Amino acid sequence: MQVTVYLTEQDAYLLRLIDRKSQRERKSRSAVLLSIIEEHFEKGRRLGEILVDLGVLSEDDLADALELQRSEFTDKLLGEVLADEQGIDEEEIRRALTIQRRFEATTRQM
């Protein structure tokens, strides 16, 4: 995927901030931009919301899974219900959990 971002001279300070962050973290400018965007949209989100954002799960499927968890599988985590009862790929669940945990850890460090 290719994304084009158009900036004005007034935005130059943002690029300087991104460049400093990329040097500190030893990442490319693109990787830093994507991590900032991901953090903005995913920070504080729950597993099901992240899976919906990733396009793995629909809002209706999430609502069904949450209802199943509440009514029949009270001892299971949502990820387990999604994998066992709705056939969601465990790798996708792990990916969403990684995103979720990344921002939980960041929040705890602050």
N, C-alpha and C. Protein backbone atom coordinates (compact mmCIF):
# COMPACT_ATOMS: atom_id res chain seq x y z
N MET A 1 0.84 -1.16 0.00
CA MET A 1 0.00 0.00 0.00
C MET A 1 0.89 1.24 0.00
N GLN A 2 0.48 2.20 -0.74
CA GLN A 2 1.22 3.46 -0.78
C GLN A 2 0.29 4.58 -0.36
N VAL A 3 0.80 5.45 0.49
CA VAL A 3 0.03 6.60 0.95
C VAL A 3 0.84 7.85 0.67
N THR A 4 0.15 8.85 0.17
CA THR A 4 0.81 10.13 -0.07
C THR A 4 0.26 11.15 0.91
N VAL A 5 1.15 11.85 1.58
CA VAL A 5 0.77 12.88 2.53
C VAL A 5 1.29 14.20 2.01
N TYR A 6 0.41 15.17 1.87
CA TYR A 6 0.80 16.49 1.39
C TYR A 6 0.94 17.42 2.59
N LEU A 7 2.09 18.04 2.70
CA LEU A 7 2.37 18.93 3.81
C LEU A 7 2.69 20.32 3.30
N THR A 8 2.39 21.30 4.12
CA THR A 8 2.75 22.68 3.79
C THR A 8 3.98 23.05 4.61
N GLU A 9 4.50 24.22 4.36
CA GLU A 9 5.66 24.68 5.13
C GLU A 9 5.32 24.80 6.61
N GLN A 10 4.07 25.05 6.91
CA GLN A 10 3.63 25.17 8.30
C GLN A 10 3.70 23.82 9.03
N ASP A 11 3.75 22.74 8.29
CA ASP A 11 3.81 21.40 8.88
C ASP A 11 5.23 20.91 9.10
N ALA A 12 6.20 21.70 8.74
CA ALA A 12 7.60 21.27 8.82
C ALA A 12 7.99 20.87 10.24
N TYR A 13 7.44 21.55 11.23
CA TYR A 13 7.79 21.20 12.61
C TYR A 13 7.35 19.78 12.96
N LEU A 14 6.23 19.35 12.38
CA LEU A 14 5.77 17.97 12.62
C LEU A 14 6.75 16.96 12.05
N LEU A 15 7.25 17.24 10.87
CA LEU A 15 8.25 16.34 10.27
C LEU A 15 9.51 16.28 11.11
N ARG A 16 9.92 17.42 11.67
CA ARG A 16 11.10 17.42 12.53
C ARG A 16 10.86 16.54 13.77
N LEU A 17 9.67 16.64 14.35
CA LEU A 17 9.33 15.79 15.51
C LEU A 17 9.33 14.31 15.13
N ILE A 18 8.77 14.00 13.97
CA ILE A 18 8.73 12.62 13.50
C ILE A 18 10.15 12.12 13.23
N ASP A 19 10.97 12.97 12.61
CA ASP A 19 12.35 12.57 12.33
C ASP A 19 13.13 12.31 13.62
N ARG A 20 12.92 13.15 14.63
CA ARG A 20 13.60 12.92 15.92
C ARG A 20 13.16 11.60 16.54
N LYS A 21 11.85 11.36 16.50
CA LYS A 21 11.32 10.11 17.06
C LYS A 21 11.84 8.91 16.28
N SER A 22 11.93 9.03 14.96
CA SER A 22 12.42 7.91 14.16
C SER A 22 13.89 7.63 14.45
N GLN A 23 14.67 8.66 14.69
CA GLN A 23 16.08 8.45 15.04
C GLN A 23 16.21 7.80 16.42
N ARG A 24 15.42 8.29 17.37
CA ARG A 24 15.45 7.72 18.73
C ARG A 24 15.07 6.24 18.72
N GLU A 25 14.03 5.92 17.96
CA GLU A 25 13.52 4.55 17.94
C GLU A 25 14.16 3.69 16.85
N ARG A 26 15.03 4.31 16.05
CA ARG A 26 15.69 3.61 14.95
C ARG A 26 14.68 2.95 14.01
N LYS A 27 13.70 3.75 13.61
CA LYS A 27 12.66 3.31 12.69
C LYS A 27 12.60 4.30 11.52
N SER A 28 11.97 3.87 10.47
CA SER A 28 11.78 4.77 9.33
C SER A 28 10.70 5.80 9.66
N ARG A 29 10.71 6.87 8.92
CA ARG A 29 9.67 7.89 9.10
C ARG A 29 8.29 7.28 8.89
N SER A 30 8.16 6.42 7.89
CA SER A 30 6.87 5.77 7.62
C SER A 30 6.41 4.91 8.79
N ALA A 31 7.33 4.16 9.36
CA ALA A 31 6.98 3.30 10.50
C ALA A 31 6.52 4.14 11.69
N VAL A 32 7.18 5.25 11.91
CA VAL A 32 6.79 6.14 13.01
C VAL A 32 5.41 6.73 12.76
N LEU A 33 5.17 7.19 11.54
CA LEU A 33 3.86 7.74 11.21
C LEU A 33 2.76 6.71 11.42
N LEU A 34 2.99 5.50 10.95
CA LEU A 34 1.98 4.46 11.11
C LEU A 34 1.75 4.11 12.58
N SER A 35 2.82 4.09 13.37
CA SER A 35 2.64 3.78 14.80
C SER A 35 1.87 4.89 15.51
N ILE A 36 2.07 6.13 15.11
CA ILE A 36 1.32 7.25 15.68
C ILE A 36 -0.16 7.14 15.31
N ILE A 37 -0.43 6.85 14.07
CA ILE A 37 -1.81 6.69 13.61
C ILE A 37 -2.48 5.52 14.33
N GLU A 38 -1.78 4.40 14.41
CA GLU A 38 -2.33 3.22 15.08
C GLU A 38 -2.63 3.54 16.55
N GLU A 39 -1.71 4.20 17.21
CA GLU A 39 -1.93 4.54 18.61
C GLU A 39 -3.14 5.45 18.76
N HIS A 40 -3.27 6.42 17.89
CA HIS A 40 -4.40 7.35 17.97
C HIS A 40 -5.73 6.62 17.88
N PHE A 41 -5.82 5.68 16.95
CA PHE A 41 -7.09 5.01 16.73
C PHE A 41 -7.33 3.80 17.61
N GLU A 42 -6.28 3.15 18.10
CA GLU A 42 -6.46 1.90 18.83
C GLU A 42 -6.23 1.99 20.34
N LYS A 43 -5.64 3.06 20.81
CA LYS A 43 -5.35 3.18 22.24
C LYS A 43 -6.64 3.14 23.05
N GLY A 44 -6.66 2.28 24.06
CA GLY A 44 -7.82 2.18 24.94
C GLY A 44 -8.97 1.36 24.37
N ARG A 45 -8.77 0.76 23.23
CA ARG A 45 -9.84 -0.03 22.60
C ARG A 45 -9.82 -1.45 23.12
N ARG A 46 -10.96 -2.08 23.08
CA ARG A 46 -11.09 -3.46 23.52
C ARG A 46 -10.81 -4.40 22.35
N LEU A 47 -10.57 -5.67 22.70
CA LEU A 47 -10.21 -6.67 21.70
C LEU A 47 -11.21 -6.70 20.53
N GLY A 48 -12.48 -6.79 20.83
CA GLY A 48 -13.49 -6.86 19.78
C GLY A 48 -13.48 -5.64 18.88
N GLU A 49 -13.30 -4.47 19.46
CA GLU A 49 -13.25 -3.24 18.67
C GLU A 49 -12.06 -3.24 17.72
N ILE A 50 -10.94 -3.73 18.21
CA ILE A 50 -9.74 -3.78 17.36
C ILE A 50 -9.96 -4.77 16.22
N LEU A 51 -10.57 -5.91 16.50
CA LEU A 51 -10.84 -6.89 15.45
C LEU A 51 -11.81 -6.33 14.41
N VAL A 52 -12.77 -5.54 14.85
CA VAL A 52 -13.68 -4.88 13.90
C VAL A 52 -12.88 -3.89 13.05
N ASP A 53 -12.01 -3.10 13.69
CA ASP A 53 -11.18 -2.15 12.95
C ASP A 53 -10.28 -2.84 11.94
N LEU A 54 -9.78 -4.03 12.29
CA LEU A 54 -8.91 -4.79 11.39
C LEU A 54 -9.69 -5.44 10.25
N GLY A 55 -11.02 -5.43 10.35
CA GLY A 55 -11.85 -6.04 9.32
C GLY A 55 -12.00 -7.54 9.46
N VAL A 56 -11.62 -8.07 10.61
CA VAL A 56 -11.69 -9.51 10.87
C VAL A 56 -13.10 -9.90 11.31
N LEU A 57 -13.79 -8.96 11.89
CA LEU A 57 -15.07 -9.23 12.55
C LEU A 57 -16.02 -8.08 12.24
N SER A 58 -17.30 -8.40 12.05
CA SER A 58 -18.29 -7.34 11.86
C SER A 58 -18.85 -6.92 13.22
N GLU A 59 -19.48 -5.77 13.26
CA GLU A 59 -20.11 -5.29 14.50
C GLU A 59 -21.16 -6.30 14.98
N ASP A 60 -21.93 -6.86 14.05
CA ASP A 60 -22.95 -7.85 14.42
C ASP A 60 -22.34 -9.12 14.99
N ASP A 61 -21.25 -9.59 14.36
CA ASP A 61 -20.58 -10.79 14.87
C ASP A 61 -20.00 -10.54 16.26
N LEU A 62 -19.50 -9.34 16.49
CA LEU A 62 -18.98 -8.99 17.81
C LEU A 62 -20.10 -9.00 18.84
N ALA A 63 -21.23 -8.41 18.49
CA ALA A 63 -22.37 -8.38 19.40
C ALA A 63 -22.83 -9.81 19.72
N ASP A 64 -22.87 -10.68 18.70
CA ASP A 64 -23.25 -12.08 18.92
C ASP A 64 -22.27 -12.78 19.85
N ALA A 65 -20.99 -12.56 19.64
CA ALA A 65 -19.97 -13.20 20.47
C ALA A 65 -20.05 -12.71 21.92
N LEU A 66 -20.28 -11.43 22.10
CA LEU A 66 -20.41 -10.89 23.46
C LEU A 66 -21.63 -11.46 24.17
N GLU A 67 -22.71 -11.61 23.42
CA GLU A 67 -23.92 -12.21 24.00
C GLU A 67 -23.68 -13.67 24.37
N LEU A 68 -22.99 -14.41 23.50
CA LEU A 68 -22.63 -15.81 23.81
C LEU A 68 -21.77 -15.87 25.08
N GLN A 69 -20.83 -14.98 25.16
CA GLN A 69 -19.94 -14.96 26.33
C GLN A 69 -20.74 -14.67 27.60
N ARG A 70 -21.68 -13.73 27.53
CA ARG A 70 -22.49 -13.38 28.70
C ARG A 70 -23.43 -14.50 29.11
N SER A 71 -24.02 -15.17 28.12
CA SER A 71 -25.08 -16.13 28.43
C SER A 71 -24.60 -17.58 28.61
N GLU A 72 -23.67 -18.03 27.77
CA GLU A 72 -23.31 -19.44 27.79
C GLU A 72 -21.87 -19.73 28.21
N PHE A 73 -20.97 -18.82 27.93
CA PHE A 73 -19.55 -19.09 28.15
C PHE A 73 -18.95 -18.06 29.12
N THR A 74 -19.54 -17.95 30.28
CA THR A 74 -19.10 -16.92 31.23
C THR A 74 -17.67 -17.15 31.72
N ASP A 75 -17.18 -18.38 31.59
CA ASP A 75 -15.82 -18.69 32.05
C ASP A 75 -14.76 -18.52 30.95
N LYS A 76 -15.19 -18.11 29.75
CA LYS A 76 -14.25 -17.96 28.63
C LYS A 76 -13.96 -16.49 28.35
N LEU A 77 -12.76 -16.24 27.91
CA LEU A 77 -12.39 -14.91 27.43
C LEU A 77 -13.00 -14.70 26.05
N LEU A 78 -13.19 -13.44 25.66
CA LEU A 78 -13.79 -13.15 24.36
C LEU A 78 -13.00 -13.79 23.23
N GLY A 79 -11.68 -13.73 23.27
CA GLY A 79 -10.87 -14.33 22.22
C GLY A 79 -11.13 -15.83 22.08
N GLU A 80 -11.34 -16.49 23.20
CA GLU A 80 -11.65 -17.93 23.17
C GLU A 80 -13.01 -18.17 22.53
N VAL A 81 -13.99 -17.36 22.87
CA VAL A 81 -15.33 -17.49 22.28
C VAL A 81 -15.25 -17.26 20.78
N LEU A 82 -14.52 -16.24 20.38
CA LEU A 82 -14.40 -15.93 18.94
C LEU A 82 -13.73 -17.07 18.18
N ALA A 83 -12.69 -17.64 18.76
CA ALA A 83 -11.97 -18.73 18.08
C ALA A 83 -12.81 -20.02 18.09
N ASP A 84 -13.35 -20.36 19.24
CA ASP A 84 -14.05 -21.65 19.37
C ASP A 84 -15.43 -21.65 18.74
N GLU A 85 -16.16 -20.58 18.90
CA GLU A 85 -17.57 -20.56 18.48
C GLU A 85 -17.82 -19.87 17.15
N GLN A 86 -16.94 -18.94 16.77
CA GLN A 86 -17.16 -18.21 15.52
C GLN A 86 -16.07 -18.45 14.49
N GLY A 87 -15.11 -19.28 14.83
CA GLY A 87 -14.08 -19.65 13.86
C GLY A 87 -13.12 -18.55 13.46
N ILE A 88 -12.97 -17.55 14.31
CA ILE A 88 -12.01 -16.48 14.01
C ILE A 88 -10.60 -17.05 14.17
N ASP A 89 -9.76 -16.75 13.21
CA ASP A 89 -8.39 -17.26 13.20
C ASP A 89 -7.63 -16.78 14.45
N GLU A 90 -7.00 -17.71 15.14
CA GLU A 90 -6.27 -17.37 16.36
C GLU A 90 -5.13 -16.40 16.10
N GLU A 91 -4.55 -16.46 14.93
CA GLU A 91 -3.47 -15.53 14.58
C GLU A 91 -3.99 -14.09 14.54
N GLU A 92 -5.20 -13.90 14.03
CA GLU A 92 -5.81 -12.56 14.00
C GLU A 92 -6.09 -12.08 15.42
N ILE A 93 -6.53 -12.98 16.28
CA ILE A 93 -6.79 -12.63 17.68
C ILE A 93 -5.49 -12.23 18.37
N ARG A 94 -4.43 -12.99 18.11
CA ARG A 94 -3.11 -12.65 18.69
C ARG A 94 -2.63 -11.28 18.21
N ARG A 95 -2.85 -11.02 16.93
CA ARG A 95 -2.45 -9.72 16.36
C ARG A 95 -3.18 -8.58 17.07
N ALA A 96 -4.49 -8.74 17.26
CA ALA A 96 -5.28 -7.70 17.94
C ALA A 96 -4.84 -7.56 19.39
N LEU A 97 -4.54 -8.67 20.05
CA LEU A 97 -4.07 -8.61 21.44
C LEU A 97 -2.72 -7.91 21.54
N THR A 98 -1.88 -8.12 20.55
CA THR A 98 -0.58 -7.45 20.51
C THR A 98 -0.76 -5.94 20.42
N ILE A 99 -1.67 -5.52 19.55
CA ILE A 99 -1.96 -4.08 19.41
C ILE A 99 -2.49 -3.54 20.74
N GLN A 100 -3.43 -4.26 21.33
CA GLN A 100 -4.02 -3.82 22.58
C GLN A 100 -2.99 -3.73 23.70
N ARG A 101 -2.17 -4.73 23.84
CA ARG A 101 -1.17 -4.77 24.91
C ARG A 101 -0.09 -3.72 24.72
N ARG A 102 0.24 -3.43 23.48
CA ARG A 102 1.26 -2.41 23.20
C ARG A 102 0.87 -1.08 23.83
N PHE A 103 -0.40 -0.73 23.72
CA PHE A 103 -0.83 0.57 24.24
C PHE A 103 -1.15 0.51 25.72
N GLU A 104 -1.51 -0.65 26.24
CA GLU A 104 -1.70 -0.79 27.68
C GLU A 104 -0.35 -0.60 28.37
N ALA A 105 0.70 -1.18 27.81
CA ALA A 105 2.04 -1.04 28.39
C ALA A 105 2.51 0.40 28.34
N THR A 106 2.23 1.08 27.24
CA THR A 106 2.62 2.47 27.10
C THR A 106 1.92 3.33 28.14
N THR A 107 0.63 3.07 28.36
CA THR A 107 -0.14 3.84 29.33
C THR A 107 0.38 3.63 30.74
N ARG A 108 0.74 2.39 31.10
CA ARG A 108 1.24 2.09 32.43
C ARG A 108 2.59 2.75 32.69
N GLN A 109 3.41 2.94 31.64
CA GLN A 109 4.74 3.53 31.81
C GLN A 109 4.65 5.02 32.07
N MET A 110 3.57 5.65 31.69
CA MET A 110 3.46 7.12 31.81
C MET A 110 3.19 7.54 33.22
